[in-house]
């Protein structure tokens, strides 16, 4: 616990990081726990809202779920390593790798993680929590974008015009 506090303090002192919403981390943890508890309880024990599973073939559920989970892991690992892996020499808008495809790849990875689990076992109760999580992530993304606009101005505005927030473009403009 002391290590995490110390690590957080170091991150706050880095000039190349802009900031995040005050309840962003706590909200993500709460929603992750709520999603996990709902999905596990409904999928394996209660089975109140899993009736749609009988209409989707097992092969489709497993293949799509695994693909989404792998994509989620890739976005999270790559995005986090770019942001927190090394301190940037000079502060600026990150445009490399996954940040050149979507503006919020780490938050998108969280959304895809939940969707991957939903594909493995379709729980409508967990889908409601997933929708709440999407709304929350969208809210904190907008907050962080305001911070980035205040810090980087035109450079970030250009980035917003060129790179979509959530859904990658199939072709460049």
N, C-alpha and C. Protein backbone atom coordinates (compact mmCIF):
# COMPACT_ATOMS: atom_id res chain seq x y z
N UNK A 1 0.83 -1.18 0.00
CA UNK A 1 0.00 0.00 0.00
C UNK A 1 0.87 1.25 0.00
N UNK A 2 1.92 1.25 0.80
CA UNK A 2 2.82 2.41 0.84
C UNK A 2 3.50 2.60 -0.51
N UNK A 3 3.82 1.49 -1.19
CA UNK A 3 4.45 1.57 -2.51
C UNK A 3 3.50 2.24 -3.50
N UNK A 4 2.21 1.87 -3.48
CA UNK A 4 1.25 2.47 -4.40
C UNK A 4 1.10 3.96 -4.13
N UNK A 5 1.08 4.34 -2.85
CA UNK A 5 0.97 5.77 -2.51
C UNK A 5 2.19 6.52 -3.02
N UNK A 6 3.36 5.93 -2.83
CA UNK A 6 4.61 6.56 -3.29
C UNK A 6 4.62 6.67 -4.81
N UNK A 7 4.17 5.60 -5.50
CA UNK A 7 4.13 5.60 -6.96
C UNK A 7 3.16 6.68 -7.45
N UNK A 8 2.01 6.82 -6.80
CA UNK A 8 1.02 7.84 -7.17
C UNK A 8 1.62 9.24 -7.00
N UNK A 9 2.38 9.43 -5.94
CA UNK A 9 3.01 10.72 -5.67
C UNK A 9 4.02 11.05 -6.77
N UNK A 10 4.78 10.04 -7.21
CA UNK A 10 5.75 10.24 -8.29
C UNK A 10 5.02 10.63 -9.57
N UNK A 11 3.91 9.97 -9.86
CA UNK A 11 3.15 10.27 -11.07
C UNK A 11 2.61 11.70 -11.03
N UNK A 12 2.21 12.17 -9.84
CA UNK A 12 1.70 13.53 -9.72
C UNK A 12 2.78 14.57 -9.98
N UNK A 13 4.03 14.21 -9.76
CA UNK A 13 5.13 15.15 -9.94
C UNK A 13 5.65 15.17 -11.37
N UNK A 14 5.21 14.28 -12.20
CA UNK A 14 5.70 14.24 -13.58
C UNK A 14 5.09 15.36 -14.39
N UNK A 15 5.95 16.12 -15.04
CA UNK A 15 5.49 17.25 -15.85
C UNK A 15 4.81 16.82 -17.14
N UNK A 16 5.09 15.60 -17.61
CA UNK A 16 4.52 15.16 -18.89
C UNK A 16 3.11 14.59 -18.74
N UNK A 17 2.61 14.43 -17.52
CA UNK A 17 1.25 13.95 -17.30
C UNK A 17 0.35 15.14 -16.99
N UNK A 18 -0.84 15.15 -17.56
CA UNK A 18 -1.73 16.30 -17.42
C UNK A 18 -2.67 16.18 -16.23
N UNK A 19 -3.20 15.02 -15.96
CA UNK A 19 -4.11 14.85 -14.83
C UNK A 19 -5.30 14.00 -15.21
N UNK A 20 -6.08 13.71 -14.19
CA UNK A 20 -7.27 12.90 -14.40
C UNK A 20 -8.35 13.35 -13.43
N UNK A 21 -9.55 12.86 -13.65
CA UNK A 21 -10.68 13.22 -12.79
C UNK A 21 -10.43 12.68 -11.38
N UNK A 22 -10.83 13.44 -10.38
CA UNK A 22 -10.58 13.06 -8.99
C UNK A 22 -11.20 11.72 -8.61
N UNK A 23 -12.35 11.38 -9.18
CA UNK A 23 -12.99 10.11 -8.84
C UNK A 23 -12.81 9.06 -9.94
N UNK A 24 -11.95 9.34 -10.90
CA UNK A 24 -11.76 8.42 -12.02
C UNK A 24 -11.33 7.03 -11.59
N UNK A 25 -10.26 6.93 -10.82
CA UNK A 25 -9.75 5.62 -10.41
C UNK A 25 -10.74 4.90 -9.49
N UNK A 26 -11.27 5.62 -8.51
CA UNK A 26 -12.21 5.01 -7.57
C UNK A 26 -13.48 4.55 -8.30
N UNK A 27 -13.97 5.37 -9.22
CA UNK A 27 -15.16 5.00 -9.98
C UNK A 27 -14.93 3.76 -10.83
N UNK A 28 -13.75 3.68 -11.44
CA UNK A 28 -13.44 2.51 -12.26
C UNK A 28 -13.37 1.25 -11.39
N UNK A 29 -12.79 1.35 -10.21
CA UNK A 29 -12.69 0.19 -9.31
C UNK A 29 -14.07 -0.25 -8.85
N UNK A 30 -14.89 0.71 -8.46
CA UNK A 30 -16.25 0.38 -8.01
C UNK A 30 -17.04 -0.28 -9.13
N UNK A 31 -16.98 0.30 -10.34
CA UNK A 31 -17.72 -0.28 -11.46
C UNK A 31 -17.17 -1.65 -11.87
N UNK A 32 -15.87 -1.83 -11.79
CA UNK A 32 -15.27 -3.14 -12.11
C UNK A 32 -15.76 -4.20 -11.12
N UNK A 33 -15.77 -3.85 -9.84
CA UNK A 33 -16.27 -4.79 -8.82
C UNK A 33 -17.75 -5.08 -9.01
N UNK A 34 -18.52 -4.04 -9.28
CA UNK A 34 -19.96 -4.20 -9.51
C UNK A 34 -20.23 -5.07 -10.73
N UNK A 35 -19.49 -4.81 -11.82
CA UNK A 35 -19.67 -5.61 -13.02
C UNK A 35 -19.31 -7.07 -12.74
N UNK A 36 -18.14 -7.29 -12.11
CA UNK A 36 -17.69 -8.66 -11.84
C UNK A 36 -18.69 -9.40 -10.95
N UNK A 37 -19.15 -8.74 -9.90
CA UNK A 37 -20.11 -9.39 -8.99
C UNK A 37 -21.42 -9.71 -9.71
N UNK A 38 -21.91 -8.77 -10.49
CA UNK A 38 -23.16 -8.98 -11.22
C UNK A 38 -23.01 -10.08 -12.25
N UNK A 39 -21.93 -10.03 -13.04
CA UNK A 39 -21.72 -11.01 -14.10
C UNK A 39 -21.56 -12.42 -13.51
N UNK A 40 -20.74 -12.54 -12.47
CA UNK A 40 -20.51 -13.85 -11.85
C UNK A 40 -21.80 -14.39 -11.21
N UNK A 41 -22.47 -13.53 -10.44
CA UNK A 41 -23.69 -13.97 -9.77
C UNK A 41 -24.76 -14.40 -10.77
N UNK A 42 -24.95 -13.60 -11.82
CA UNK A 42 -26.01 -13.91 -12.79
C UNK A 42 -25.63 -15.08 -13.69
N UNK A 43 -24.36 -15.16 -14.07
CA UNK A 43 -23.92 -16.22 -14.99
C UNK A 43 -23.88 -17.59 -14.33
N UNK A 44 -23.35 -17.65 -13.11
CA UNK A 44 -23.08 -18.96 -12.51
C UNK A 44 -24.06 -19.38 -11.41
N UNK A 45 -24.79 -18.43 -10.83
CA UNK A 45 -25.64 -18.80 -9.69
C UNK A 45 -27.11 -18.46 -9.91
N UNK A 46 -27.43 -17.20 -10.08
CA UNK A 46 -28.82 -16.78 -10.14
C UNK A 46 -29.47 -17.07 -11.49
N UNK A 47 -28.77 -16.78 -12.55
CA UNK A 47 -29.23 -17.02 -13.93
C UNK A 47 -30.59 -16.37 -14.22
N UNK A 48 -30.79 -15.16 -13.66
CA UNK A 48 -32.06 -14.45 -13.88
C UNK A 48 -32.15 -13.84 -15.27
N UNK A 49 -31.04 -13.31 -15.77
CA UNK A 49 -31.09 -12.57 -17.04
C UNK A 49 -30.16 -13.16 -18.10
N UNK A 50 -29.94 -14.45 -18.05
CA UNK A 50 -29.03 -15.09 -19.01
C UNK A 50 -29.77 -15.91 -20.06
N UNK A 51 -31.04 -15.71 -20.20
CA UNK A 51 -31.85 -16.52 -21.13
C UNK A 51 -31.42 -16.36 -22.59
N UNK A 52 -30.78 -15.26 -22.96
CA UNK A 52 -30.35 -15.07 -24.35
C UNK A 52 -29.21 -16.02 -24.75
N UNK A 53 -28.53 -16.60 -23.78
CA UNK A 53 -27.44 -17.54 -24.09
C UNK A 53 -27.90 -18.71 -24.95
N UNK A 54 -29.13 -19.12 -24.81
CA UNK A 54 -29.63 -20.26 -25.59
C UNK A 54 -29.78 -19.94 -27.07
N UNK A 55 -29.81 -18.67 -27.43
CA UNK A 55 -30.00 -18.27 -28.83
C UNK A 55 -28.69 -17.97 -29.57
N UNK A 56 -27.60 -17.85 -28.83
CA UNK A 56 -26.31 -17.55 -29.45
C UNK A 56 -25.44 -18.81 -29.37
N UNK A 57 -24.98 -19.31 -30.51
CA UNK A 57 -24.15 -20.53 -30.50
C UNK A 57 -22.90 -20.36 -29.63
N UNK A 58 -22.54 -21.44 -28.95
CA UNK A 58 -21.39 -21.42 -28.05
C UNK A 58 -20.12 -21.00 -28.79
N UNK A 59 -19.92 -21.49 -30.00
CA UNK A 59 -18.72 -21.14 -30.78
C UNK A 59 -18.64 -19.65 -31.05
N UNK A 60 -19.76 -19.03 -31.34
CA UNK A 60 -19.79 -17.58 -31.58
C UNK A 60 -19.45 -16.83 -30.30
N UNK A 61 -20.04 -17.26 -29.18
CA UNK A 61 -19.78 -16.59 -27.90
C UNK A 61 -18.31 -16.71 -27.51
N UNK A 62 -17.75 -17.90 -27.62
CA UNK A 62 -16.37 -18.11 -27.20
C UNK A 62 -15.40 -17.35 -28.12
N UNK A 63 -15.57 -17.49 -29.42
CA UNK A 63 -14.64 -16.82 -30.35
C UNK A 63 -14.70 -15.30 -30.22
N UNK A 64 -15.90 -14.74 -30.21
CA UNK A 64 -16.00 -13.29 -30.11
C UNK A 64 -15.53 -12.80 -28.74
N UNK A 65 -15.86 -13.53 -27.69
CA UNK A 65 -15.42 -13.15 -26.35
C UNK A 65 -13.91 -13.15 -26.21
N UNK A 66 -13.26 -14.20 -26.71
CA UNK A 66 -11.80 -14.30 -26.62
C UNK A 66 -11.13 -13.21 -27.45
N UNK A 67 -11.62 -12.96 -28.64
CA UNK A 67 -11.05 -11.89 -29.48
C UNK A 67 -11.15 -10.54 -28.76
N UNK A 68 -12.30 -10.25 -28.18
CA UNK A 68 -12.47 -8.99 -27.46
C UNK A 68 -11.56 -8.90 -26.23
N UNK A 69 -11.38 -10.01 -25.52
CA UNK A 69 -10.50 -10.00 -24.36
C UNK A 69 -9.04 -9.81 -24.75
N UNK A 70 -8.63 -10.41 -25.85
CA UNK A 70 -7.25 -10.23 -26.33
C UNK A 70 -7.04 -8.79 -26.78
N UNK A 71 -7.99 -8.23 -27.52
CA UNK A 71 -7.89 -6.84 -27.97
C UNK A 71 -7.86 -5.90 -26.76
N UNK A 72 -8.68 -6.19 -25.77
CA UNK A 72 -8.70 -5.38 -24.54
C UNK A 72 -7.33 -5.40 -23.86
N UNK A 73 -6.76 -6.57 -23.73
CA UNK A 73 -5.44 -6.69 -23.10
C UNK A 73 -4.37 -5.94 -23.87
N UNK A 74 -4.41 -6.03 -25.20
CA UNK A 74 -3.44 -5.32 -26.03
C UNK A 74 -3.56 -3.81 -25.86
N UNK A 75 -4.78 -3.29 -25.93
CA UNK A 75 -4.97 -1.84 -25.78
C UNK A 75 -4.52 -1.36 -24.40
N UNK A 76 -4.87 -2.11 -23.37
CA UNK A 76 -4.50 -1.71 -22.01
C UNK A 76 -2.99 -1.73 -21.82
N UNK A 77 -2.38 -2.83 -22.21
CA UNK A 77 -0.92 -2.97 -22.01
C UNK A 77 -0.16 -1.92 -22.81
N UNK A 78 -0.52 -1.76 -24.07
CA UNK A 78 0.18 -0.81 -24.93
C UNK A 78 -0.06 0.62 -24.47
N UNK A 79 -1.31 0.97 -24.21
CA UNK A 79 -1.64 2.33 -23.78
C UNK A 79 -0.98 2.70 -22.47
N UNK A 80 -1.06 1.82 -21.49
CA UNK A 80 -0.46 2.11 -20.18
C UNK A 80 1.06 2.19 -20.26
N UNK A 81 1.67 1.32 -21.07
CA UNK A 81 3.14 1.37 -21.16
C UNK A 81 3.61 2.64 -21.86
N UNK A 82 2.83 3.16 -22.81
CA UNK A 82 3.20 4.40 -23.47
C UNK A 82 3.08 5.58 -22.50
N UNK A 83 2.01 5.63 -21.74
CA UNK A 83 1.79 6.76 -20.84
C UNK A 83 2.68 6.69 -19.60
N UNK A 84 2.77 5.52 -18.98
CA UNK A 84 3.47 5.42 -17.70
C UNK A 84 4.82 4.72 -17.79
N UNK A 85 5.17 4.18 -18.96
CA UNK A 85 6.41 3.42 -19.09
C UNK A 85 7.66 4.23 -18.91
N UNK A 86 7.67 5.41 -19.46
CA UNK A 86 8.83 6.28 -19.32
C UNK A 86 8.36 7.72 -19.34
N UNK A 87 9.11 8.56 -18.69
CA UNK A 87 8.75 9.97 -18.65
C UNK A 87 9.11 10.61 -19.97
N UNK A 88 8.16 11.35 -20.53
CA UNK A 88 8.41 12.05 -21.78
C UNK A 88 9.41 13.17 -21.59
N UNK A 89 10.23 13.39 -22.62
CA UNK A 89 11.23 14.45 -22.52
C UNK A 89 10.57 15.81 -22.43
N UNK A 90 9.60 16.06 -23.30
CA UNK A 90 8.86 17.31 -23.20
C UNK A 90 7.38 16.98 -23.30
N UNK A 91 6.57 17.65 -22.50
CA UNK A 91 5.14 17.37 -22.53
C UNK A 91 4.56 17.64 -23.92
N UNK A 92 3.66 16.77 -24.35
CA UNK A 92 3.01 16.93 -25.64
C UNK A 92 1.91 15.92 -25.82
N UNK A 93 1.18 16.06 -26.89
CA UNK A 93 0.09 15.14 -27.20
C UNK A 93 0.70 13.83 -27.69
N UNK A 94 0.26 12.73 -27.09
CA UNK A 94 0.75 11.41 -27.49
C UNK A 94 -0.02 10.97 -28.72
N UNK A 95 0.74 10.65 -29.78
CA UNK A 95 0.10 10.23 -31.04
C UNK A 95 0.64 8.89 -31.52
N UNK A 96 1.43 8.23 -30.73
CA UNK A 96 2.04 7.00 -31.20
C UNK A 96 1.16 5.78 -30.93
N UNK A 97 1.36 4.77 -31.74
CA UNK A 97 0.74 3.46 -31.56
C UNK A 97 -0.78 3.54 -31.43
N UNK A 98 -1.34 2.99 -30.35
CA UNK A 98 -2.78 2.93 -30.19
C UNK A 98 -3.41 4.31 -30.01
N UNK A 99 -2.62 5.30 -29.62
CA UNK A 99 -3.13 6.66 -29.46
C UNK A 99 -3.30 7.35 -30.81
N UNK A 100 -2.85 6.73 -31.87
CA UNK A 100 -3.08 7.24 -33.21
C UNK A 100 -4.32 6.59 -33.84
N UNK A 101 -4.93 5.67 -33.12
CA UNK A 101 -6.13 4.96 -33.60
C UNK A 101 -7.37 5.47 -32.86
N UNK A 102 -7.28 5.59 -31.54
CA UNK A 102 -8.35 6.17 -30.72
C UNK A 102 -7.70 7.03 -29.63
N UNK A 103 -8.45 8.03 -29.15
CA UNK A 103 -7.88 8.95 -28.17
C UNK A 103 -7.83 8.36 -26.76
N UNK A 104 -8.65 7.37 -26.47
CA UNK A 104 -8.72 6.80 -25.12
C UNK A 104 -8.60 5.27 -25.15
N UNK A 105 -7.45 4.75 -25.59
CA UNK A 105 -7.33 3.29 -25.73
C UNK A 105 -7.40 2.54 -24.41
N UNK A 106 -6.98 3.13 -23.31
CA UNK A 106 -7.03 2.41 -22.04
C UNK A 106 -8.48 2.29 -21.56
N UNK A 107 -9.25 3.36 -21.68
CA UNK A 107 -10.67 3.29 -21.31
C UNK A 107 -11.42 2.37 -22.27
N UNK A 108 -11.06 2.41 -23.55
CA UNK A 108 -11.69 1.51 -24.52
C UNK A 108 -11.37 0.06 -24.16
N UNK A 109 -10.17 -0.19 -23.66
CA UNK A 109 -9.83 -1.57 -23.27
C UNK A 109 -10.72 -2.06 -22.15
N UNK A 110 -11.08 -1.16 -21.24
CA UNK A 110 -11.98 -1.53 -20.15
C UNK A 110 -13.37 -1.88 -20.68
N UNK A 111 -13.85 -1.07 -21.61
CA UNK A 111 -15.15 -1.32 -22.22
C UNK A 111 -15.14 -2.67 -22.95
N UNK A 112 -14.07 -2.95 -23.68
CA UNK A 112 -13.97 -4.21 -24.43
C UNK A 112 -13.79 -5.41 -23.51
N UNK A 113 -13.15 -5.22 -22.37
CA UNK A 113 -13.01 -6.30 -21.39
C UNK A 113 -14.39 -6.74 -20.92
N UNK A 114 -15.21 -5.76 -20.52
CA UNK A 114 -16.57 -6.09 -20.07
C UNK A 114 -17.38 -6.72 -21.20
N UNK A 115 -17.25 -6.19 -22.42
CA UNK A 115 -17.99 -6.74 -23.55
C UNK A 115 -17.54 -8.17 -23.85
N UNK A 116 -16.24 -8.43 -23.75
CA UNK A 116 -15.74 -9.79 -23.95
C UNK A 116 -16.34 -10.77 -22.96
N UNK A 117 -16.42 -10.36 -21.71
CA UNK A 117 -17.04 -11.22 -20.70
C UNK A 117 -18.53 -11.38 -20.97
N UNK A 118 -19.17 -10.31 -21.40
CA UNK A 118 -20.59 -10.40 -21.75
C UNK A 118 -20.83 -11.36 -22.91
N UNK A 119 -19.91 -11.40 -23.85
CA UNK A 119 -20.05 -12.33 -24.98
C UNK A 119 -19.89 -13.77 -24.54
N UNK A 120 -19.04 -14.01 -23.54
CA UNK A 120 -18.86 -15.38 -23.06
C UNK A 120 -20.12 -15.90 -22.38
N UNK A 121 -20.81 -15.04 -21.67
CA UNK A 121 -22.07 -15.40 -21.04
C UNK A 121 -22.94 -14.15 -21.03
N UNK A 122 -23.95 -14.16 -21.81
CA UNK A 122 -24.79 -12.98 -21.98
C UNK A 122 -25.68 -12.81 -20.75
N UNK A 123 -25.35 -11.79 -19.97
CA UNK A 123 -26.13 -11.45 -18.78
C UNK A 123 -26.66 -10.04 -18.96
N UNK A 124 -27.96 -9.91 -19.03
CA UNK A 124 -28.56 -8.59 -19.21
C UNK A 124 -28.33 -7.70 -17.99
N UNK A 125 -28.27 -8.29 -16.81
CA UNK A 125 -27.99 -7.51 -15.60
C UNK A 125 -26.58 -6.91 -15.69
N UNK A 126 -25.60 -7.71 -16.11
CA UNK A 126 -24.24 -7.21 -16.25
C UNK A 126 -24.15 -6.21 -17.41
N UNK A 127 -24.98 -6.38 -18.43
CA UNK A 127 -25.00 -5.44 -19.55
C UNK A 127 -25.45 -4.05 -19.09
N UNK A 128 -26.34 -4.00 -18.12
CA UNK A 128 -26.77 -2.71 -17.56
C UNK A 128 -25.58 -2.03 -16.87
N UNK A 129 -24.82 -2.80 -16.10
CA UNK A 129 -23.63 -2.24 -15.44
C UNK A 129 -22.62 -1.80 -16.50
N UNK A 130 -22.48 -2.56 -17.58
CA UNK A 130 -21.57 -2.20 -18.68
C UNK A 130 -21.96 -0.85 -19.28
N UNK A 131 -23.23 -0.64 -19.48
CA UNK A 131 -23.70 0.64 -20.04
C UNK A 131 -23.40 1.79 -19.07
N UNK A 132 -23.59 1.56 -17.79
CA UNK A 132 -23.25 2.57 -16.79
C UNK A 132 -21.76 2.87 -16.83
N UNK A 133 -20.94 1.82 -16.96
CA UNK A 133 -19.48 2.00 -17.04
C UNK A 133 -19.09 2.81 -18.28
N UNK A 134 -19.74 2.54 -19.41
CA UNK A 134 -19.46 3.30 -20.63
C UNK A 134 -19.77 4.77 -20.41
N UNK A 135 -20.90 5.06 -19.82
CA UNK A 135 -21.28 6.45 -19.55
C UNK A 135 -20.27 7.13 -18.62
N UNK A 136 -19.83 6.41 -17.59
CA UNK A 136 -18.84 6.95 -16.66
C UNK A 136 -17.52 7.22 -17.36
N UNK A 137 -17.04 6.26 -18.15
CA UNK A 137 -15.77 6.44 -18.86
C UNK A 137 -15.86 7.58 -19.87
N UNK A 138 -17.01 7.72 -20.50
CA UNK A 138 -17.21 8.83 -21.44
C UNK A 138 -17.15 10.17 -20.69
N UNK A 139 -17.76 10.22 -19.53
CA UNK A 139 -17.75 11.44 -18.71
C UNK A 139 -16.32 11.81 -18.30
N UNK A 140 -15.55 10.85 -17.75
CA UNK A 140 -14.20 11.21 -17.31
C UNK A 140 -13.28 11.47 -18.50
N UNK A 141 -13.56 10.87 -19.64
CA UNK A 141 -12.78 11.16 -20.85
C UNK A 141 -12.97 12.61 -21.27
N UNK A 142 -14.21 13.08 -21.25
CA UNK A 142 -14.48 14.48 -21.60
C UNK A 142 -13.80 15.43 -20.61
N UNK A 143 -13.82 15.08 -19.34
CA UNK A 143 -13.14 15.90 -18.33
C UNK A 143 -11.65 15.99 -18.63
N UNK A 144 -11.03 14.84 -18.89
CA UNK A 144 -9.59 14.82 -19.18
C UNK A 144 -9.27 15.55 -20.48
N UNK A 145 -10.17 15.48 -21.45
CA UNK A 145 -9.93 16.20 -22.70
C UNK A 145 -9.97 17.71 -22.47
N UNK A 146 -10.81 18.17 -21.57
CA UNK A 146 -10.81 19.61 -21.24
C UNK A 146 -9.46 20.02 -20.64
N UNK A 147 -8.90 19.17 -19.78
CA UNK A 147 -7.58 19.44 -19.22
C UNK A 147 -6.52 19.49 -20.32
N UNK A 148 -6.60 18.55 -21.24
CA UNK A 148 -5.62 18.49 -22.33
C UNK A 148 -5.78 19.69 -23.28
N UNK A 149 -7.01 20.09 -23.54
CA UNK A 149 -7.23 21.29 -24.37
C UNK A 149 -6.67 22.53 -23.69
N UNK A 150 -6.86 22.64 -22.39
CA UNK A 150 -6.33 23.79 -21.66
C UNK A 150 -4.81 23.80 -21.69
N UNK A 151 -4.21 22.64 -21.67
CA UNK A 151 -2.74 22.57 -21.62
C UNK A 151 -2.11 22.68 -23.01
N UNK A 152 -2.70 22.00 -24.01
CA UNK A 152 -2.04 21.91 -25.32
C UNK A 152 -2.75 22.68 -26.43
N UNK A 153 -3.94 23.19 -26.16
CA UNK A 153 -4.64 24.07 -27.09
C UNK A 153 -4.82 23.49 -28.49
N UNK A 154 -4.33 24.23 -29.49
CA UNK A 154 -4.51 23.87 -30.90
C UNK A 154 -3.96 22.49 -31.23
N UNK A 155 -2.85 22.13 -30.61
CA UNK A 155 -2.26 20.81 -30.88
C UNK A 155 -3.25 19.70 -30.52
N UNK A 156 -3.93 19.84 -29.38
CA UNK A 156 -4.90 18.82 -28.99
C UNK A 156 -6.19 18.92 -29.82
N UNK A 157 -6.58 20.13 -30.18
CA UNK A 157 -7.75 20.28 -31.06
C UNK A 157 -7.52 19.57 -32.38
N UNK A 158 -6.33 19.71 -32.94
CA UNK A 158 -5.98 19.02 -34.19
C UNK A 158 -6.04 17.51 -34.00
N UNK A 159 -5.50 17.04 -32.88
CA UNK A 159 -5.53 15.61 -32.55
C UNK A 159 -6.98 15.11 -32.47
N UNK A 160 -7.86 15.91 -31.86
CA UNK A 160 -9.26 15.52 -31.74
C UNK A 160 -9.94 15.44 -33.11
N UNK A 161 -9.54 16.30 -34.02
CA UNK A 161 -10.12 16.26 -35.37
C UNK A 161 -9.62 15.04 -36.15
N UNK A 162 -8.42 14.61 -35.89
CA UNK A 162 -7.79 13.54 -36.68
C UNK A 162 -8.01 12.14 -36.10
N UNK A 163 -8.15 12.05 -34.79
CA UNK A 163 -8.24 10.73 -34.14
C UNK A 163 -9.58 10.64 -33.41
N UNK A 164 -10.38 9.61 -33.73
CA UNK A 164 -11.69 9.47 -33.07
C UNK A 164 -11.54 9.13 -31.58
N UNK A 165 -12.57 9.46 -30.85
CA UNK A 165 -12.55 9.24 -29.40
C UNK A 165 -12.61 7.75 -29.06
N UNK A 166 -13.52 7.01 -29.66
CA UNK A 166 -13.75 5.62 -29.28
C UNK A 166 -13.65 4.62 -30.42
N UNK A 167 -14.26 4.90 -31.55
CA UNK A 167 -14.38 3.91 -32.62
C UNK A 167 -13.38 4.25 -33.72
N UNK A 168 -12.40 3.37 -33.96
CA UNK A 168 -11.40 3.66 -35.00
C UNK A 168 -12.04 3.83 -36.37
N UNK A 169 -11.47 4.71 -37.15
CA UNK A 169 -11.93 4.87 -38.53
C UNK A 169 -11.35 3.74 -39.37
N UNK A 170 -12.13 3.29 -40.33
CA UNK A 170 -11.64 2.23 -41.21
C UNK A 170 -10.60 2.76 -42.19
N UNK A 171 -10.70 4.03 -42.51
CA UNK A 171 -9.70 4.63 -43.39
C UNK A 171 -9.43 6.05 -42.93
N UNK A 172 -8.22 6.50 -43.19
CA UNK A 172 -7.83 7.86 -42.80
C UNK A 172 -8.51 8.88 -43.70
N UNK A 173 -8.70 10.07 -43.15
CA UNK A 173 -9.29 11.14 -43.95
C UNK A 173 -8.29 11.61 -44.98
